[in-house]
Amino acid sequence: MINLFQQTPGEINKGIAERLVKIRKRRRISQKDLSVKSGVSLGSLKRFEQTGDISLVSLTKLAIALDLENELESLFSNMPLLSIEEAFNE
């Protein structure tokens, strides 16, 4: 069954980018400073903030630079089982 309210990958990525921008601004870190601190090119950072498009490696570098690596490390860690079959397969 198709979920009509399910977000697209682009919408999810854009939401992640928007949250990262809020954190960066709240901490008063410029794009240039975050780029230098993370090792992610300024162009890649700007593109990510505008479109949500970024590699997983670069996203991880940004998270580490903003002391958010625990957020990525816990991704998918507390997922409930969706069926009895999943429980058996685990």
N, C-alpha and C. Protein backbone atom coordinates (compact mmCIF):
# COMPACT_ATOMS: atom_id res chain seq x y z
N MET A 1 0.84 -1.18 0.00
CA MET A 1 0.00 0.00 0.00
C MET A 1 0.88 1.24 0.00
N ILE A 2 0.55 2.20 -0.82
CA ILE A 2 1.33 3.43 -0.94
C ILE A 2 0.86 4.44 0.10
N ASN A 3 1.80 5.02 0.81
CA ASN A 3 1.50 6.06 1.78
C ASN A 3 1.54 7.40 1.07
N LEU A 4 0.40 8.04 0.91
CA LEU A 4 0.34 9.31 0.18
C LEU A 4 1.00 10.46 0.93
N PHE A 5 1.24 10.26 2.22
CA PHE A 5 1.84 11.32 3.02
C PHE A 5 3.34 11.11 3.23
N GLN A 6 3.88 10.07 2.62
CA GLN A 6 5.31 9.78 2.75
C GLN A 6 6.12 10.85 2.04
N GLN A 7 7.15 11.32 2.69
CA GLN A 7 8.03 12.33 2.09
C GLN A 7 8.93 11.69 1.05
N THR A 8 9.34 12.50 0.09
CA THR A 8 10.30 12.05 -0.90
C THR A 8 11.70 12.11 -0.29
N PRO A 9 12.67 11.41 -0.88
CA PRO A 9 14.05 11.53 -0.39
C PRO A 9 14.52 12.99 -0.38
N GLY A 10 14.19 13.73 -1.41
CA GLY A 10 14.60 15.14 -1.46
C GLY A 10 14.02 15.96 -0.33
N GLU A 11 12.76 15.69 0.02
CA GLU A 11 12.11 16.42 1.12
C GLU A 11 12.76 16.08 2.45
N ILE A 12 13.08 14.81 2.64
CA ILE A 12 13.75 14.40 3.88
C ILE A 12 15.12 15.05 3.98
N ASN A 13 15.88 15.01 2.90
CA ASN A 13 17.22 15.61 2.89
C ASN A 13 17.16 17.12 3.13
N LYS A 14 16.20 17.78 2.52
CA LYS A 14 16.04 19.23 2.70
C LYS A 14 15.72 19.54 4.16
N GLY A 15 14.90 18.72 4.79
CA GLY A 15 14.58 18.93 6.20
C GLY A 15 15.81 18.77 7.08
N ILE A 16 16.64 17.78 6.78
CA ILE A 16 17.89 17.59 7.53
C ILE A 16 18.78 18.82 7.35
N ALA A 17 18.88 19.30 6.12
CA ALA A 17 19.70 20.48 5.84
C ALA A 17 19.18 21.69 6.61
N GLU A 18 17.88 21.88 6.63
CA GLU A 18 17.30 23.02 7.35
C GLU A 18 17.60 22.95 8.84
N ARG A 19 17.54 21.76 9.41
CA ARG A 19 17.86 21.61 10.84
C ARG A 19 19.34 21.90 11.10
N LEU A 20 20.21 21.44 10.21
CA LEU A 20 21.63 21.70 10.36
C LEU A 20 21.93 23.20 10.27
N VAL A 21 21.27 23.89 9.34
CA VAL A 21 21.46 25.34 9.20
C VAL A 21 21.05 26.04 10.50
N LYS A 22 19.93 25.64 11.08
CA LYS A 22 19.48 26.26 12.34
C LYS A 22 20.51 26.07 13.44
N ILE A 23 21.07 24.87 13.52
CA ILE A 23 22.08 24.60 14.54
C ILE A 23 23.32 25.43 14.28
N ARG A 24 23.76 25.48 13.02
CA ARG A 24 24.95 26.26 12.66
C ARG A 24 24.75 27.73 13.02
N LYS A 25 23.61 28.27 12.68
CA LYS A 25 23.34 29.69 12.97
C LYS A 25 23.19 29.94 14.46
N ARG A 26 22.54 29.02 15.16
CA ARG A 26 22.36 29.16 16.61
C ARG A 26 23.71 29.20 17.31
N ARG A 27 24.66 28.46 16.76
CA ARG A 27 26.01 28.43 17.35
C ARG A 27 26.90 29.52 16.78
N ARG A 28 26.35 30.34 15.90
CA ARG A 28 27.06 31.46 15.30
C ARG A 28 28.33 31.03 14.58
N ILE A 29 28.18 29.99 13.77
CA ILE A 29 29.29 29.49 12.97
C ILE A 29 28.99 29.83 11.51
N SER A 30 29.90 30.50 10.86
CA SER A 30 29.70 30.85 9.45
C SER A 30 29.85 29.60 8.58
N GLN A 31 29.32 29.68 7.38
CA GLN A 31 29.51 28.58 6.44
C GLN A 31 31.00 28.34 6.20
N LYS A 32 31.74 29.41 6.04
CA LYS A 32 33.18 29.29 5.78
C LYS A 32 33.89 28.59 6.94
N ASP A 33 33.56 28.99 8.17
CA ASP A 33 34.21 28.37 9.33
C ASP A 33 33.84 26.90 9.46
N LEU A 34 32.57 26.57 9.20
CA LEU A 34 32.15 25.17 9.27
C LEU A 34 32.83 24.36 8.17
N SER A 35 32.97 24.96 7.02
CA SER A 35 33.66 24.29 5.92
C SER A 35 35.09 23.94 6.30
N VAL A 36 35.79 24.90 6.87
CA VAL A 36 37.18 24.69 7.28
C VAL A 36 37.25 23.64 8.39
N LYS A 37 36.40 23.79 9.39
CA LYS A 37 36.43 22.88 10.53
C LYS A 37 36.09 21.44 10.14
N SER A 38 35.18 21.28 9.20
CA SER A 38 34.72 19.95 8.82
C SER A 38 35.53 19.31 7.69
N GLY A 39 36.19 20.13 6.89
CA GLY A 39 36.88 19.61 5.73
C GLY A 39 35.96 19.40 4.53
N VAL A 40 34.73 19.88 4.63
CA VAL A 40 33.77 19.83 3.52
C VAL A 40 33.91 21.13 2.75
N SER A 41 34.01 21.04 1.44
CA SER A 41 34.20 22.26 0.66
C SER A 41 33.04 23.23 0.87
N LEU A 42 33.34 24.50 0.77
CA LEU A 42 32.33 25.53 0.95
C LEU A 42 31.21 25.36 -0.07
N GLY A 43 31.55 25.01 -1.29
CA GLY A 43 30.54 24.79 -2.32
C GLY A 43 29.60 23.65 -1.97
N SER A 44 30.16 22.56 -1.44
CA SER A 44 29.32 21.42 -1.04
C SER A 44 28.42 21.79 0.12
N LEU A 45 28.95 22.55 1.07
CA LEU A 45 28.15 22.99 2.21
C LEU A 45 27.00 23.88 1.75
N LYS A 46 27.31 24.84 0.89
CA LYS A 46 26.27 25.74 0.39
C LYS A 46 25.20 24.97 -0.38
N ARG A 47 25.62 24.03 -1.22
CA ARG A 47 24.66 23.23 -1.99
C ARG A 47 23.78 22.42 -1.04
N PHE A 48 24.40 21.82 -0.02
CA PHE A 48 23.63 21.05 0.95
C PHE A 48 22.60 21.92 1.64
N GLU A 49 23.00 23.09 2.10
CA GLU A 49 22.08 23.96 2.81
C GLU A 49 20.94 24.44 1.91
N GLN A 50 21.19 24.56 0.63
CA GLN A 50 20.15 25.03 -0.29
C GLN A 50 19.26 23.91 -0.80
N THR A 51 19.84 22.73 -1.03
CA THR A 51 19.09 21.67 -1.71
C THR A 51 18.93 20.40 -0.90
N GLY A 52 19.77 20.19 0.10
CA GLY A 52 19.76 18.95 0.86
C GLY A 52 20.64 17.88 0.24
N ASP A 53 21.32 18.20 -0.86
CA ASP A 53 22.15 17.23 -1.57
C ASP A 53 23.56 17.21 -0.97
N ILE A 54 23.97 16.03 -0.47
CA ILE A 54 25.31 15.89 0.12
C ILE A 54 25.64 14.40 0.22
N SER A 55 26.92 14.08 0.20
CA SER A 55 27.31 12.68 0.39
C SER A 55 27.21 12.33 1.88
N LEU A 56 27.08 11.06 2.15
CA LEU A 56 27.02 10.62 3.55
C LEU A 56 28.32 10.95 4.27
N VAL A 57 29.44 10.81 3.61
CA VAL A 57 30.73 11.12 4.22
C VAL A 57 30.79 12.60 4.62
N SER A 58 30.35 13.47 3.73
CA SER A 58 30.37 14.90 4.03
C SER A 58 29.39 15.25 5.14
N LEU A 59 28.22 14.62 5.14
CA LEU A 59 27.26 14.86 6.21
C LEU A 59 27.85 14.43 7.55
N THR A 60 28.55 13.31 7.55
CA THR A 60 29.19 12.83 8.77
C THR A 60 30.26 13.82 9.24
N LYS A 61 31.04 14.35 8.32
CA LYS A 61 32.06 15.35 8.68
C LYS A 61 31.42 16.59 9.28
N LEU A 62 30.31 17.04 8.71
CA LEU A 62 29.62 18.21 9.26
C LEU A 62 29.08 17.91 10.66
N ALA A 63 28.51 16.72 10.83
CA ALA A 63 27.98 16.35 12.14
C ALA A 63 29.09 16.31 13.19
N ILE A 64 30.23 15.76 12.84
CA ILE A 64 31.36 15.72 13.78
C ILE A 64 31.82 17.13 14.12
N ALA A 65 31.91 17.99 13.11
CA ALA A 65 32.36 19.37 13.35
C ALA A 65 31.41 20.14 14.24
N LEU A 66 30.13 19.76 14.23
CA LEU A 66 29.13 20.42 15.06
C LEU A 66 28.83 19.64 16.34
N ASP A 67 29.64 18.64 16.64
CA ASP A 67 29.46 17.78 17.82
C ASP A 67 28.09 17.10 17.81
N LEU A 68 27.68 16.64 16.63
CA LEU A 68 26.40 15.96 16.48
C LEU A 68 26.55 14.51 16.03
N GLU A 69 27.76 13.98 16.15
CA GLU A 69 27.99 12.63 15.64
C GLU A 69 27.11 11.59 16.31
N ASN A 70 26.72 11.82 17.57
CA ASN A 70 25.85 10.86 18.25
C ASN A 70 24.50 10.75 17.55
N GLU A 71 24.05 11.84 16.95
CA GLU A 71 22.79 11.81 16.20
C GLU A 71 22.88 10.83 15.04
N LEU A 72 23.99 10.85 14.33
CA LEU A 72 24.16 9.93 13.21
C LEU A 72 24.41 8.50 13.69
N GLU A 73 25.19 8.37 14.75
CA GLU A 73 25.51 7.04 15.25
C GLU A 73 24.26 6.32 15.74
N SER A 74 23.27 7.05 16.21
CA SER A 74 22.06 6.40 16.73
C SER A 74 20.99 6.23 15.66
N LEU A 75 21.25 6.67 14.46
CA LEU A 75 20.30 6.54 13.36
C LEU A 75 19.96 5.07 13.14
N PHE A 76 18.69 4.76 13.11
CA PHE A 76 18.17 3.40 12.90
C PHE A 76 18.46 2.44 14.05
N SER A 77 18.91 2.92 15.19
CA SER A 77 19.29 2.00 16.27
C SER A 77 18.10 1.54 17.11
N ASN A 78 17.07 2.30 17.19
CA ASN A 78 15.92 1.94 18.04
C ASN A 78 14.67 1.72 17.20
N MET A 79 14.81 0.92 16.17
CA MET A 79 13.70 0.69 15.25
C MET A 79 12.81 -0.44 15.77
N PRO A 80 11.51 -0.17 15.91
CA PRO A 80 10.60 -1.24 16.34
C PRO A 80 10.42 -2.26 15.21
N LEU A 81 10.13 -3.47 15.60
CA LEU A 81 9.87 -4.51 14.62
C LEU A 81 8.50 -4.25 13.99
N LEU A 82 8.41 -4.43 12.69
CA LEU A 82 7.17 -4.17 11.98
C LEU A 82 6.27 -5.40 11.87
N SER A 83 6.84 -6.57 12.12
CA SER A 83 6.05 -7.79 12.00
C SER A 83 6.69 -8.91 12.81
N ILE A 84 5.92 -9.96 13.00
CA ILE A 84 6.46 -11.15 13.66
C ILE A 84 7.56 -11.76 12.83
N GLU A 85 7.38 -11.69 11.51
CA GLU A 85 8.41 -12.22 10.60
C GLU A 85 9.74 -11.53 10.80
N GLU A 86 9.73 -10.21 11.01
CA GLU A 86 10.98 -9.50 11.29
C GLU A 86 11.63 -10.02 12.57
N ALA A 87 10.82 -10.29 13.57
CA ALA A 87 11.35 -10.80 14.85
C ALA A 87 12.06 -12.14 14.62
N PHE A 88 11.44 -13.00 13.83
CA PHE A 88 12.06 -14.29 13.53
C PHE A 88 13.34 -14.14 12.72
N ASN A 89 13.36 -13.17 11.80
CA ASN A 89 14.53 -12.95 10.94
C ASN A 89 15.69 -12.32 11.68
N GLU A 90 15.39 -11.68 12.79
CA GLU A 90 16.44 -11.02 13.54
C GLU A 90 17.26 -12.06 14.26
